[in-house]
Amino acid sequence: MSEVTVILNGYKRKEQLNEQLDAIRNQSVKVDTVMLWYNHPGDDEMVNYDIMAEIPTAYSNVNLGVWARFAYAFNAQTKYVCIFDDDTIPGKKWIENCLTTMKTHRGLLGTVGLLYTIPMPPGPNSSYYEHYIRFGWNHNNTRIQEVDLVGHSWFFEREWLSAMWRELPNPKYTTCGEDMHFSYMIQKYLGLKTYVPPHPASDREMWGSLKGSEYGGVHSLWTEGPKNQRELVDQFFNEQRNKGWKLVNDK
């Protein structure tokens, strides 16, 4: 086995959980365990009880936001963990791609990465939404690419969770910031970097997401989250920068 636990994230995309689970079970390198973290979507008709009965599940009767799945990951018993957003359907070589990348670039891996392209001094003029290049399924990279943060999925060593929680986020950031925080914490406490494994246009099976543009806009935080979601993300970005998070191009 691969020594990998996959954690799926349930919310409102009920039918896509079936597709995700099939994609995980059909990986070229078999995973040890698949677990599910389920935030209550507010409507019982949107809950996939069939999946809950099939794999180990932790179910919350309230929506605890984007951070709780990383706390749930402490229950994994393998060396590696891969957490997926609920709109992310990986190609069948994704886990294999991550394991191969770890051999030469030990760090936090993800399906999409942002690399800020100019020095971004912390302060009120810095913005999460400006001056970056994307890498991953929607902007292919043929080689391993160092980035500032990753999203859509996170592949990491389970032990690194101890670093993630050394500094707790303000509770007001329940809908954002987990991507920035994880990269910053492993940088600060473990001296590790963040990367996007290769996503060659010639082999989509290596990609971390095959239907991101198709599924991403439905039931997303950008369409159903807080009205001030963009403001919250920028606030968190600047807080992390002020605390000492160094971007790649700060060097």
Foldseek 3Di string as FASTA:
>chain_A
DLLEEEEEEAEQPQVLVVLQVVLQCLAPDHHDFYEYEYAYHPDPVRHNVVVCVVHHYDYDPHGQADPVSLVVLLPRDGFKYKYAYSQFRAFNHAVVLVVVCCVPAAAKEAQKAWAAAADAQFDPPGAPPDRIDMDHQVHFDQAKAFHQWHDRMIMHTNVLSVQLVPDDDDSVPRHDDSGNSSQQSCCVPVVHTYIYGGCDPVDRSNGRGDQCVPRVPPPHCVVPNDPCNRVSHGVSVSVSSVVPRDGPNVD
